PDB file of N, CA and C in Angstrom:
ATOM      1  N   UNK A   1      30.186  -2.936   3.960  1.00  0.00           N
ATOM      2  CA  UNK A   1      30.120  -1.809   3.053  1.00  0.00           C
ATOM      3  C   UNK A   1      28.694  -1.270   2.977  1.00  0.00           C
ATOM      4  N   UNK A   2      28.621   0.032   2.786  1.00  0.00           N
ATOM      5  CA  UNK A   2      27.320   0.669   2.658  1.00  0.00           C
ATOM      6  C   UNK A   2      27.009   0.949   1.192  1.00  0.00           C
ATOM      7  N   UNK A   3      25.724   0.991   0.882  1.00  0.00           N
ATOM      8  CA  UNK A   3      25.254   1.425  -0.429  1.00  0.00           C
ATOM      9  C   UNK A   3      25.117   2.938  -0.358  1.00  0.00           C
ATOM     10  N   UNK A   4      25.662   3.636  -1.344  1.00  0.00           N
ATOM     11  CA  UNK A   4      25.671   5.098  -1.339  1.00  0.00           C
ATOM     12  C   UNK A   4      25.083   5.616  -2.648  1.00  0.00           C
ATOM     13  N   UNK A   5      24.158   6.562  -2.515  1.00  0.00           N
ATOM     14  CA  UNK A   5      23.574   7.232  -3.675  1.00  0.00           C
ATOM     15  C   UNK A   5      23.812   8.722  -3.491  1.00  0.00           C
ATOM     16  N   UNK A   6      24.434   9.338  -4.469  1.00  0.00           N
ATOM     17  CA  UNK A   6      24.623  10.790  -4.462  1.00  0.00           C
ATOM     18  C   UNK A   6      23.562  11.395  -5.377  1.00  0.00           C
ATOM     19  N   UNK A   7      22.788  12.283  -4.823  1.00  0.00           N
ATOM     20  CA  UNK A   7      21.675  12.884  -5.547  1.00  0.00           C
ATOM     21  C   UNK A   7      22.145  13.497  -6.866  1.00  0.00           C
ATOM     22  N   UNK A   8      23.286  14.133  -6.832  1.00  0.00           N
ATOM     23  CA  UNK A   8      23.837  14.767  -8.034  1.00  0.00           C
ATOM     24  C   UNK A   8      24.072  13.737  -9.144  1.00  0.00           C
ATOM     25  N   UNK A   9      24.441  12.504  -8.769  1.00  0.00           N
ATOM     26  CA  UNK A   9      24.684  11.448  -9.764  1.00  0.00           C
ATOM     27  C   UNK A   9      23.401  11.029 -10.476  1.00  0.00           C
ATOM     28  N   UNK A  10      22.267  11.252  -9.821  1.00  0.00           N
ATOM     29  CA  UNK A  10      20.974  10.902 -10.421  1.00  0.00           C
ATOM     30  C   UNK A  10      20.521  12.008 -11.372  1.00  0.00           C
ATOM     31  N   UNK A  11      21.074  13.218 -11.202  1.00  0.00           N
ATOM     32  CA  UNK A  11      20.740  14.304 -12.104  1.00  0.00           C
ATOM     33  C   UNK A  11      20.152  15.527 -11.435  1.00  0.00           C
ATOM     34  N   UNK A  12      20.051  15.510 -10.118  1.00  0.00           N
ATOM     35  CA  UNK A  12      19.530  16.664  -9.394  1.00  0.00           C
ATOM     36  C   UNK A  12      20.680  17.581  -8.974  1.00  0.00           C
ATOM     37  N   UNK A  13      20.407  18.873  -8.917  1.00  0.00           N
ATOM     38  CA  UNK A  13      21.389  19.842  -8.442  1.00  0.00           C
ATOM     39  C   UNK A  13      21.267  19.884  -6.920  1.00  0.00           C
ATOM     40  N   UNK A  14      21.823  18.865  -6.282  1.00  0.00           N
ATOM     41  CA  UNK A  14      21.629  18.656  -4.851  1.00  0.00           C
ATOM     42  C   UNK A  14      22.849  17.927  -4.295  1.00  0.00           C
ATOM     43  N   UNK A  15      23.292  18.335  -3.107  1.00  0.00           N
ATOM     44  CA  UNK A  15      24.437  17.689  -2.474  1.00  0.00           C
ATOM     45  C   UNK A  15      24.041  16.517  -1.580  1.00  0.00           C
ATOM     46  N   UNK A  16      22.780  16.086  -1.653  1.00  0.00           N
ATOM     47  CA  UNK A  16      22.284  14.999  -0.816  1.00  0.00           C
ATOM     48  C   UNK A  16      23.019  13.689  -1.059  1.00  0.00           C
ATOM     49  N   UNK A  17      23.280  12.986   0.026  1.00  0.00           N
ATOM     50  CA  UNK A  17      23.927  11.669  -0.041  1.00  0.00           C
ATOM     51  C   UNK A  17      23.105  10.716   0.806  1.00  0.00           C
ATOM     52  N   UNK A  18      22.721   9.591   0.219  1.00  0.00           N
ATOM     53  CA  UNK A  18      21.937   8.570   0.912  1.00  0.00           C
ATOM     54  C   UNK A  18      22.858   7.395   1.183  1.00  0.00           C
ATOM     55  N   UNK A  19      22.836   6.913   2.416  1.00  0.00           N
ATOM     56  CA  UNK A  19      23.644   5.749   2.782  1.00  0.00           C
ATOM     57  C   UNK A  19      22.743   4.734   3.456  1.00  0.00           C
ATOM     58  N   UNK A  20      22.941   3.463   3.102  1.00  0.00           N
ATOM     59  CA  UNK A  20      22.126   2.396   3.676  1.00  0.00           C
ATOM     60  C   UNK A  20      22.892   1.081   3.601  1.00  0.00           C
ATOM     61  N   UNK A  21      22.420   0.132   4.376  1.00  0.00           N
ATOM     62  CA  UNK A  21      23.081  -1.178   4.401  1.00  0.00           C
ATOM     63  C   UNK A  21      22.707  -2.039   3.203  1.00  0.00           C
ATOM     64  N   UNK A  22      21.476  -1.853   2.680  1.00  0.00           N
ATOM     65  CA  UNK A  22      21.024  -2.669   1.553  1.00  0.00           C
ATOM     66  C   UNK A  22      20.557  -1.778   0.409  1.00  0.00           C
ATOM     67  N   UNK A  23      20.510  -2.354  -0.780  1.00  0.00           N
ATOM     68  CA  UNK A  23      20.018  -1.618  -1.947  1.00  0.00           C
ATOM     69  C   UNK A  23      18.556  -1.208  -1.749  1.00  0.00           C
ATOM     70  N   UNK A  24      17.762  -2.113  -1.191  1.00  0.00           N
ATOM     71  CA  UNK A  24      16.347  -1.825  -0.975  1.00  0.00           C
ATOM     72  C   UNK A  24      16.160  -0.637  -0.034  1.00  0.00           C
ATOM     73  N   UNK A  25      16.927  -0.607   1.033  1.00  0.00           N
ATOM     74  CA  UNK A  25      16.845   0.503   1.990  1.00  0.00           C
ATOM     75  C   UNK A  25      17.314   1.804   1.330  1.00  0.00           C
ATOM     76  N   UNK A  26      18.362   1.734   0.538  1.00  0.00           N
ATOM     77  CA  UNK A  26      18.865   2.922  -0.155  1.00  0.00           C
ATOM     78  C   UNK A  26      17.823   3.456  -1.130  1.00  0.00           C
ATOM     79  N   UNK A  27      17.174   2.566  -1.861  1.00  0.00           N
ATOM     80  CA  UNK A  27      16.129   2.987  -2.805  1.00  0.00           C
ATOM     81  C   UNK A  27      14.952   3.622  -2.076  1.00  0.00           C
ATOM     82  N   UNK A  28      14.563   3.060  -0.954  1.00  0.00           N
ATOM     83  CA  UNK A  28      13.456   3.622  -0.171  1.00  0.00           C
ATOM     84  C   UNK A  28      13.805   5.021   0.319  1.00  0.00           C
ATOM     85  N   UNK A  29      15.025   5.195   0.814  1.00  0.00           N
ATOM     86  CA  UNK A  29      15.459   6.514   1.288  1.00  0.00           C
ATOM     87  C   UNK A  29      15.545   7.506   0.130  1.00  0.00           C
ATOM     88  N   UNK A  30      16.044   7.054  -1.013  1.00  0.00           N
ATOM     89  CA  UNK A  30      16.166   7.928  -2.184  1.00  0.00           C
ATOM     90  C   UNK A  30      14.788   8.351  -2.681  1.00  0.00           C
ATOM     91  N   UNK A  31      13.844   7.436  -2.664  1.00  0.00           N
ATOM     92  CA  UNK A  31      12.475   7.749  -3.078  1.00  0.00           C
ATOM     93  C   UNK A  31      11.874   8.802  -2.166  1.00  0.00           C
ATOM     94  N   UNK A  32      12.035   8.641  -0.872  1.00  0.00           N
ATOM     95  CA  UNK A  32      11.505   9.614   0.087  1.00  0.00           C
ATOM     96  C   UNK A  32      12.186  10.970  -0.099  1.00  0.00           C
ATOM     97  N   UNK A  33      13.490  10.969  -0.303  1.00  0.00           N
ATOM     98  CA  UNK A  33      14.228  12.219  -0.517  1.00  0.00           C
ATOM     99  C   UNK A  33      13.729  12.927  -1.781  1.00  0.00           C
ATOM    100  N   UNK A  34      13.540  12.171  -2.854  1.00  0.00           N
ATOM    101  CA  UNK A  34      13.071  12.760  -4.116  1.00  0.00           C
ATOM    102  C   UNK A  34      11.699  13.415  -3.927  1.00  0.00           C
ATOM    103  N   UNK A  35      10.847  12.767  -3.161  1.00  0.00           N
ATOM    104  CA  UNK A  35       9.501  13.305  -2.937  1.00  0.00           C
ATOM    105  C   UNK A  35       9.523  14.536  -2.043  1.00  0.00           C
ATOM    106  N   UNK A  36      10.273  14.485  -0.956  1.00  0.00           N
ATOM    107  CA  UNK A  36      10.242  15.583   0.007  1.00  0.00           C
ATOM    108  C   UNK A  36      11.139  16.759  -0.388  1.00  0.00           C
ATOM    109  N   UNK A  37      12.270  16.486  -1.012  1.00  0.00           N
ATOM    110  CA  UNK A  37      13.218  17.555  -1.325  1.00  0.00           C
ATOM    111  C   UNK A  37      13.105  18.096  -2.746  1.00  0.00           C
ATOM    112  N   UNK A  38      12.596  17.262  -3.657  1.00  0.00           N
ATOM    113  CA  UNK A  38      12.575  17.663  -5.062  1.00  0.00           C
ATOM    114  C   UNK A  38      11.174  17.709  -5.665  1.00  0.00           C
ATOM    115  N   UNK A  39      10.159  17.452  -4.856  1.00  0.00           N
ATOM    116  CA  UNK A  39       8.787  17.539  -5.342  1.00  0.00           C
ATOM    117  C   UNK A  39       8.397  16.472  -6.343  1.00  0.00           C
ATOM    118  N   UNK A  40       9.148  15.374  -6.379  1.00  0.00           N
ATOM    119  CA  UNK A  40       8.806  14.273  -7.277  1.00  0.00           C
ATOM    120  C   UNK A  40       7.539  13.610  -6.732  1.00  0.00           C
ATOM    121  N   UNK A  41       6.531  13.524  -7.548  1.00  0.00           N
ATOM    122  CA  UNK A  41       5.259  12.933  -7.094  1.00  0.00           C
ATOM    123  C   UNK A  41       5.258  11.426  -7.219  1.00  0.00           C
ATOM    124  N   UNK A  42       5.847  10.937  -8.298  1.00  0.00           N
ATOM    125  CA  UNK A  42       5.870   9.501  -8.534  1.00  0.00           C
ATOM    126  C   UNK A  42       7.248   9.093  -9.018  1.00  0.00           C
ATOM    127  N   UNK A  43       7.805   8.096  -8.395  1.00  0.00           N
ATOM    128  CA  UNK A  43       9.093   7.568  -8.826  1.00  0.00           C
ATOM    129  C   UNK A  43       8.799   6.452  -9.829  1.00  0.00           C
ATOM    130  N   UNK A  44       9.139   6.716 -11.076  1.00  0.00           N
ATOM    131  CA  UNK A  44       8.827   5.786 -12.168  1.00  0.00           C
ATOM    132  C   UNK A  44       9.848   4.650 -12.231  1.00  0.00           C
ATOM    133  N   UNK A  45       9.506   3.582 -12.913  1.00  0.00           N
ATOM    134  CA  UNK A  45      10.481   2.498 -13.095  1.00  0.00           C
ATOM    135  C   UNK A  45      11.773   2.979 -13.753  1.00  0.00           C
ATOM    136  N   UNK A  46      11.675   3.968 -14.642  1.00  0.00           N
ATOM    137  CA  UNK A  46      12.862   4.512 -15.285  1.00  0.00           C
ATOM    138  C   UNK A  46      13.748   5.218 -14.265  1.00  0.00           C
ATOM    139  N   UNK A  47      13.118   5.938 -13.328  1.00  0.00           N
ATOM    140  CA  UNK A  47      13.890   6.611 -12.279  1.00  0.00           C
ATOM    141  C   UNK A  47      14.584   5.597 -11.383  1.00  0.00           C
ATOM    142  N   UNK A  48      13.878   4.534 -11.040  1.00  0.00           N
ATOM    143  CA  UNK A  48      14.471   3.482 -10.204  1.00  0.00           C
ATOM    144  C   UNK A  48      15.676   2.880 -10.910  1.00  0.00           C
ATOM    145  N   UNK A  49      15.554   2.645 -12.211  1.00  0.00           N
ATOM    146  CA  UNK A  49      16.662   2.090 -12.988  1.00  0.00           C
ATOM    147  C   UNK A  49      17.866   3.035 -12.948  1.00  0.00           C
ATOM    148  N   UNK A  50      17.618   4.337 -13.104  1.00  0.00           N
ATOM    149  CA  UNK A  50      18.696   5.340 -13.056  1.00  0.00           C
ATOM    150  C   UNK A  50      19.348   5.359 -11.676  1.00  0.00           C
ATOM    151  N   UNK A  51      18.516   5.350 -10.624  1.00  0.00           N
ATOM    152  CA  UNK A  51      19.046   5.356  -9.264  1.00  0.00           C
ATOM    153  C   UNK A  51      19.914   4.127  -9.025  1.00  0.00           C
ATOM    154  N   UNK A  52      19.419   2.964  -9.418  1.00  0.00           N
ATOM    155  CA  UNK A  52      20.188   1.719  -9.236  1.00  0.00           C
ATOM    156  C   UNK A  52      21.532   1.792  -9.952  1.00  0.00           C
ATOM    157  N   UNK A  53      21.553   2.459 -11.103  1.00  0.00           N
ATOM    158  CA  UNK A  53      22.784   2.504 -11.902  1.00  0.00           C
ATOM    159  C   UNK A  53      23.884   3.347 -11.246  1.00  0.00           C
ATOM    160  N   UNK A  54      23.516   4.226 -10.327  1.00  0.00           N
ATOM    161  CA  UNK A  54      24.527   5.096  -9.696  1.00  0.00           C
ATOM    162  C   UNK A  54      24.888   4.672  -8.279  1.00  0.00           C
ATOM    163  N   UNK A  55      24.294   3.588  -7.780  1.00  0.00           N
ATOM    164  CA  UNK A  55      24.597   3.125  -6.418  1.00  0.00           C
ATOM    165  C   UNK A  55      26.054   2.645  -6.375  1.00  0.00           C
ATOM    166  N   UNK A  56      26.767   3.156  -5.397  1.00  0.00           N
ATOM    167  CA  UNK A  56      28.171   2.753  -5.180  1.00  0.00           C
ATOM    168  C   UNK A  56      28.266   2.043  -3.833  1.00  0.00           C
ATOM    169  N   UNK A  57      29.300   1.250  -3.678  1.00  0.00           N
ATOM    170  CA  UNK A  57      29.580   0.623  -2.386  1.00  0.00           C
ATOM    171  C   UNK A  57      30.802   1.293  -1.787  1.00  0.00           C
ATOM    172  N   UNK A  58      30.650   1.736  -0.546  1.00  0.00           N
ATOM    173  CA  UNK A  58      31.761   2.397   0.143  1.00  0.00           C
ATOM    174  C   UNK A  58      31.928   1.814   1.524  1.00  0.00           C
TER     175      UNK A  58
END
């Protein structure tokens, strides 16, 4: 099963979907996406907590 993060589930108006084999890889990809696509300068611990809460397994 893959770990899946939907950008919209985190609160962004974005159809982005991140898929990875591990939670750590998914978080790294989500962090990079937030920085490059949404102009997020720093991913705070609160953001990481929110991202983790929406990770699904598919």
